[in-house]
């Protein structure tokens, strides 16, 4: 995946817990989903952090590509299972997105 691909900008790659307990949903560039800037940013400076209700270690393990229950940083895929590489990877990623999409935000 090239960092210039649509998927690198608009598909969630990682959920990063912030010091205040809220999450920032990051793209492959480690920027909030949809941002194409390359400069370093402080996530707290942008209105992109949300509370994710129901994000327990069990849910984190279901979201993580490797089944990791860590709620501080949750990777939905990695370089070995990029969703756009094949349909199996995409189906696994979409199952994780289905779980993510059911969480409530505030």
N, C-alpha and C. Protein backbone atom coordinates (compact mmCIF):
# COMPACT_ATOMS: atom_id res chain seq x y z
N UNK A 1 0.84 -1.18 0.00
CA UNK A 1 0.00 0.00 0.00
C UNK A 1 0.88 1.24 0.00
N UNK A 2 0.64 2.09 -0.92
CA UNK A 2 1.33 3.36 -0.99
C UNK A 2 0.66 4.33 -0.02
N UNK A 3 1.45 5.18 0.60
CA UNK A 3 0.86 6.15 1.53
C UNK A 3 0.04 7.21 0.79
N UNK A 4 0.02 7.16 -0.54
CA UNK A 4 -0.81 8.06 -1.33
C UNK A 4 -2.13 7.42 -1.74
N UNK A 5 -2.35 6.17 -1.37
CA UNK A 5 -3.58 5.48 -1.71
C UNK A 5 -4.77 6.01 -0.91
N UNK A 6 -5.95 5.92 -1.50
CA UNK A 6 -7.18 6.28 -0.82
C UNK A 6 -7.27 5.56 0.52
N UNK A 7 -6.98 4.26 0.51
CA UNK A 7 -7.12 3.46 1.73
C UNK A 7 -6.17 3.93 2.83
N UNK A 8 -4.98 4.42 2.47
CA UNK A 8 -4.03 4.89 3.46
C UNK A 8 -4.50 6.16 4.17
N UNK A 9 -5.41 6.88 3.54
CA UNK A 9 -5.92 8.14 4.10
C UNK A 9 -7.28 7.96 4.78
N UNK A 10 -8.16 7.17 4.16
CA UNK A 10 -9.55 7.13 4.61
C UNK A 10 -9.98 5.88 5.36
N UNK A 11 -9.18 4.83 5.39
CA UNK A 11 -9.56 3.64 6.15
C UNK A 11 -8.91 3.66 7.52
N UNK A 12 -9.66 3.34 8.58
CA UNK A 12 -9.05 3.29 9.91
C UNK A 12 -7.95 2.23 9.99
N UNK A 13 -6.83 2.62 10.53
CA UNK A 13 -5.69 1.74 10.70
C UNK A 13 -5.46 1.42 12.18
N UNK A 14 -5.63 2.43 13.02
CA UNK A 14 -5.29 2.30 14.43
C UNK A 14 -6.21 3.17 15.27
N UNK A 15 -6.54 2.69 16.45
CA UNK A 15 -7.26 3.48 17.45
C UNK A 15 -6.25 3.81 18.53
N UNK A 16 -5.98 5.09 18.73
CA UNK A 16 -4.96 5.52 19.68
C UNK A 16 -5.63 6.22 20.86
N UNK A 17 -5.47 5.63 22.05
CA UNK A 17 -6.05 6.23 23.26
C UNK A 17 -5.23 7.45 23.66
N UNK A 18 -5.92 8.52 23.98
CA UNK A 18 -5.29 9.77 24.38
C UNK A 18 -5.21 9.85 25.91
N UNK A 19 -4.38 10.74 26.45
CA UNK A 19 -4.23 10.84 27.90
C UNK A 19 -5.55 11.06 28.65
N UNK A 20 -6.53 11.70 28.01
CA UNK A 20 -7.81 11.95 28.69
C UNK A 20 -8.79 10.78 28.54
N UNK A 21 -8.36 9.68 27.91
CA UNK A 21 -9.21 8.50 27.77
C UNK A 21 -9.98 8.42 26.47
N UNK A 22 -10.01 9.52 25.72
CA UNK A 22 -10.68 9.50 24.42
C UNK A 22 -9.77 8.85 23.39
N UNK A 23 -10.33 8.54 22.23
CA UNK A 23 -9.58 7.90 21.16
C UNK A 23 -9.52 8.77 19.91
N UNK A 24 -8.42 8.63 19.20
CA UNK A 24 -8.28 9.21 17.88
C UNK A 24 -8.20 8.03 16.91
N UNK A 25 -9.02 8.07 15.87
CA UNK A 25 -9.02 7.03 14.86
C UNK A 25 -8.03 7.47 13.78
N UNK A 26 -6.96 6.71 13.63
CA UNK A 26 -5.86 7.12 12.75
C UNK A 26 -5.84 6.35 11.44
N UNK A 27 -5.35 7.02 10.40
CA UNK A 27 -5.14 6.36 9.13
C UNK A 27 -3.72 5.78 9.11
N UNK A 28 -3.32 5.24 7.99
CA UNK A 28 -2.01 4.59 7.88
C UNK A 28 -0.86 5.58 8.04
N UNK A 29 -1.15 6.86 7.89
CA UNK A 29 -0.13 7.91 8.06
C UNK A 29 -0.05 8.38 9.51
N UNK A 30 -0.82 7.75 10.40
CA UNK A 30 -0.90 8.14 11.81
C UNK A 30 -1.47 9.55 11.96
N UNK A 31 -2.36 9.89 11.06
CA UNK A 31 -3.11 11.14 11.14
C UNK A 31 -4.57 10.76 11.31
N UNK A 32 -5.39 11.63 11.88
CA UNK A 32 -6.82 11.33 11.96
C UNK A 32 -7.36 10.99 10.56
N UNK A 33 -8.22 10.00 10.51
CA UNK A 33 -8.77 9.54 9.23
C UNK A 33 -9.24 10.72 8.41
N UNK A 34 -8.81 10.75 7.16
CA UNK A 34 -9.20 11.81 6.23
C UNK A 34 -8.19 12.91 6.08
N UNK A 35 -7.27 13.06 7.02
CA UNK A 35 -6.26 14.11 6.90
C UNK A 35 -5.10 13.62 6.03
N UNK A 36 -4.68 14.46 5.11
CA UNK A 36 -3.59 14.10 4.21
C UNK A 36 -2.30 14.83 4.52
N UNK A 37 -2.29 15.63 5.56
CA UNK A 37 -1.09 16.40 5.90
C UNK A 37 0.04 15.45 6.33
N UNK A 38 1.25 15.90 6.17
CA UNK A 38 2.40 15.07 6.54
C UNK A 38 3.12 15.60 7.78
N UNK A 39 2.80 16.81 8.19
CA UNK A 39 3.46 17.41 9.35
C UNK A 39 3.01 16.71 10.64
N UNK A 40 3.87 16.78 11.65
CA UNK A 40 3.52 16.28 12.97
C UNK A 40 2.35 17.10 13.52
N UNK A 41 1.40 16.43 14.14
CA UNK A 41 0.29 17.15 14.77
C UNK A 41 0.05 16.60 16.16
N UNK A 42 -0.51 17.44 17.01
CA UNK A 42 -1.02 17.01 18.31
C UNK A 42 -2.49 16.72 18.11
N UNK A 43 -2.89 15.48 18.34
CA UNK A 43 -4.27 15.09 18.12
C UNK A 43 -5.24 15.94 18.95
N UNK A 44 -4.80 16.35 20.14
CA UNK A 44 -5.66 17.14 21.01
C UNK A 44 -6.00 18.51 20.42
N UNK A 45 -5.21 18.97 19.44
CA UNK A 45 -5.44 20.27 18.82
C UNK A 45 -6.56 20.23 17.77
N UNK A 46 -7.04 19.04 17.45
CA UNK A 46 -8.07 18.88 16.43
C UNK A 46 -9.31 18.26 17.07
N UNK A 47 -10.49 18.60 16.58
CA UNK A 47 -11.72 18.05 17.17
C UNK A 47 -12.01 16.64 16.64
N UNK A 48 -11.05 15.73 16.84
CA UNK A 48 -11.17 14.38 16.28
C UNK A 48 -11.19 13.29 17.34
N UNK A 49 -11.02 13.64 18.60
CA UNK A 49 -10.99 12.65 19.67
C UNK A 49 -12.42 12.34 20.13
N UNK A 50 -12.69 11.07 20.36
CA UNK A 50 -14.03 10.66 20.79
C UNK A 50 -13.94 9.63 21.91
N UNK A 51 -14.97 9.58 22.71
CA UNK A 51 -15.14 8.50 23.67
C UNK A 51 -15.76 7.34 22.91
N UNK A 52 -15.24 6.14 23.11
CA UNK A 52 -15.79 4.94 22.49
C UNK A 52 -16.38 4.08 23.60
N UNK A 53 -17.69 4.11 23.72
CA UNK A 53 -18.37 3.36 24.77
C UNK A 53 -18.38 1.88 24.42
N UNK A 54 -18.03 1.07 25.40
CA UNK A 54 -18.03 -0.37 25.20
C UNK A 54 -16.71 -0.92 24.71
N UNK A 55 -15.67 -0.10 24.71
CA UNK A 55 -14.37 -0.58 24.24
C UNK A 55 -13.61 -1.21 25.40
N UNK A 56 -13.90 -2.46 25.64
CA UNK A 56 -13.28 -3.24 26.70
C UNK A 56 -12.08 -4.01 26.13
N UNK A 57 -11.28 -4.64 26.98
CA UNK A 57 -10.20 -5.48 26.46
C UNK A 57 -10.73 -6.60 25.54
N UNK A 58 -11.88 -7.15 25.84
CA UNK A 58 -12.45 -8.20 24.97
C UNK A 58 -12.80 -7.63 23.59
N UNK A 59 -13.35 -6.44 23.57
CA UNK A 59 -13.68 -5.80 22.29
C UNK A 59 -12.41 -5.41 21.55
N UNK A 60 -11.42 -4.91 22.28
CA UNK A 60 -10.14 -4.56 21.66
C UNK A 60 -9.52 -5.77 20.98
N UNK A 61 -9.61 -6.93 21.63
CA UNK A 61 -9.06 -8.16 21.04
C UNK A 61 -9.78 -8.53 19.75
N UNK A 62 -11.06 -8.27 19.68
CA UNK A 62 -11.82 -8.55 18.45
C UNK A 62 -11.49 -7.56 17.35
N UNK A 63 -11.13 -6.34 17.71
CA UNK A 63 -10.76 -5.32 16.73
C UNK A 63 -9.33 -5.47 16.23
N UNK A 64 -8.46 -5.96 17.08
CA UNK A 64 -7.05 -6.08 16.76
C UNK A 64 -6.80 -7.18 15.73
N UNK A 65 -5.96 -6.91 14.76
CA UNK A 65 -5.63 -7.90 13.73
C UNK A 65 -4.98 -9.13 14.34
N UNK A 66 -4.33 -8.97 15.52
CA UNK A 66 -3.65 -10.10 16.14
C UNK A 66 -4.32 -10.56 17.44
N UNK A 67 -5.52 -10.03 17.71
CA UNK A 67 -6.25 -10.45 18.90
C UNK A 67 -5.72 -9.88 20.20
N UNK A 68 -5.06 -8.74 20.15
CA UNK A 68 -4.45 -8.09 21.32
C UNK A 68 -5.53 -7.36 22.13
N UNK A 69 -5.64 -7.64 23.44
CA UNK A 69 -6.65 -6.98 24.27
C UNK A 69 -6.26 -5.58 24.76
N UNK A 70 -5.08 -5.10 24.40
CA UNK A 70 -4.62 -3.78 24.83
C UNK A 70 -5.57 -2.70 24.30
N UNK A 71 -6.09 -1.87 25.18
CA UNK A 71 -7.02 -0.82 24.78
C UNK A 71 -6.33 0.52 24.52
N UNK A 72 -5.02 0.60 24.72
CA UNK A 72 -4.30 1.86 24.51
C UNK A 72 -4.02 2.12 23.03
N UNK A 73 -3.72 1.07 22.28
CA UNK A 73 -3.42 1.21 20.86
C UNK A 73 -3.88 -0.07 20.17
N UNK A 74 -4.86 0.08 19.29
CA UNK A 74 -5.47 -1.08 18.63
C UNK A 74 -5.24 -0.96 17.14
N UNK A 75 -4.49 -1.91 16.60
CA UNK A 75 -4.22 -1.93 15.16
C UNK A 75 -5.22 -2.85 14.47
N UNK A 76 -5.94 -2.31 13.49
CA UNK A 76 -6.93 -3.09 12.76
C UNK A 76 -6.29 -3.97 11.69
N UNK A 77 -5.11 -3.61 11.23
CA UNK A 77 -4.35 -4.43 10.31
C UNK A 77 -2.89 -4.05 10.42
N UNK A 78 -2.03 -4.84 9.75
CA UNK A 78 -0.61 -4.50 9.69
C UNK A 78 -0.12 -4.77 8.27
N UNK A 79 1.18 -4.63 8.06
CA UNK A 79 1.72 -4.81 6.72
C UNK A 79 1.55 -6.22 6.18
N UNK A 80 1.33 -7.19 7.06
CA UNK A 80 1.13 -8.57 6.63
C UNK A 80 -0.30 -8.91 6.26
N UNK A 81 -1.24 -8.01 6.57
CA UNK A 81 -2.65 -8.28 6.25
C UNK A 81 -3.36 -7.02 5.76
N UNK A 82 -2.73 -6.30 4.86
CA UNK A 82 -3.29 -5.07 4.30
C UNK A 82 -4.61 -5.41 3.60
N UNK A 83 -5.70 -4.74 3.95
CA UNK A 83 -7.02 -5.08 3.40
C UNK A 83 -7.11 -5.06 1.87
N UNK A 84 -6.38 -4.18 1.24
CA UNK A 84 -6.50 -4.06 -0.22
C UNK A 84 -5.64 -5.07 -0.99
N UNK A 85 -4.89 -5.89 -0.29
CA UNK A 85 -4.03 -6.87 -0.98
C UNK A 85 -4.80 -8.06 -1.53
N UNK A 86 -5.84 -8.50 -0.82
CA UNK A 86 -6.62 -9.64 -1.32
C UNK A 86 -7.97 -9.68 -0.60
N UNK A 87 -8.88 -10.48 -1.11
CA UNK A 87 -10.24 -10.51 -0.57
C UNK A 87 -10.29 -11.12 0.82
N UNK A 88 -9.42 -12.04 1.15
CA UNK A 88 -9.40 -12.62 2.49
C UNK A 88 -9.05 -11.56 3.53
N UNK A 89 -8.00 -10.78 3.24
CA UNK A 89 -7.63 -9.69 4.15
C UNK A 89 -8.76 -8.67 4.28
N UNK A 90 -9.41 -8.35 3.16
CA UNK A 90 -10.50 -7.38 3.19
C UNK A 90 -11.67 -7.90 4.02
N UNK A 91 -12.01 -9.15 3.87
CA UNK A 91 -13.13 -9.71 4.64
C UNK A 91 -12.83 -9.70 6.14
N UNK A 92 -11.61 -10.03 6.51
CA UNK A 92 -11.22 -9.98 7.93
C UNK A 92 -11.29 -8.55 8.46
N UNK A 93 -10.80 -7.61 7.68
CA UNK A 93 -10.82 -6.19 8.06
C UNK A 93 -12.26 -5.70 8.20
N UNK A 94 -13.12 -6.07 7.25
CA UNK A 94 -14.52 -5.64 7.30
C UNK A 94 -15.24 -6.20 8.52
N UNK A 95 -14.88 -7.38 8.96
CA UNK A 95 -15.46 -7.94 10.19
C UNK A 95 -15.05 -7.10 11.39
N UNK A 96 -13.80 -6.65 11.41
CA UNK A 96 -13.36 -5.78 12.51
C UNK A 96 -14.05 -4.42 12.43
N UNK A 97 -14.21 -3.89 11.23
CA UNK A 97 -14.92 -2.61 11.08
C UNK A 97 -16.38 -2.74 11.51
N UNK A 98 -16.99 -3.88 11.28
CA UNK A 98 -18.37 -4.09 11.70
C UNK A 98 -18.48 -3.97 13.22
N UNK A 99 -17.52 -4.51 13.94
CA UNK A 99 -17.50 -4.41 15.40
C UNK A 99 -17.28 -2.95 15.81
N UNK A 100 -16.32 -2.30 15.17
CA UNK A 100 -16.03 -0.90 15.47
C UNK A 100 -17.25 -0.01 15.20
N UNK A 101 -17.93 -0.26 14.11
CA UNK A 101 -19.07 0.57 13.71
C UNK A 101 -20.23 0.49 14.69
N UNK A 102 -20.28 -0.55 15.48
CA UNK A 102 -21.37 -0.71 16.44
C UNK A 102 -21.10 0.00 17.78
N UNK A 103 -19.89 0.48 17.98
CA UNK A 103 -19.58 1.20 19.22
C UNK A 103 -20.23 2.58 19.17
N UNK A 104 -20.65 3.05 20.32
CA UNK A 104 -21.23 4.39 20.44
C UNK A 104 -20.12 5.39 20.70
N UNK A 105 -20.23 6.57 20.13
CA UNK A 105 -19.25 7.63 20.35
C UNK A 105 -19.91 8.83 21.03
N UNK A 106 -19.07 9.56 21.74
CA UNK A 106 -19.54 10.82 22.34
C UNK A 106 -18.37 11.76 22.47
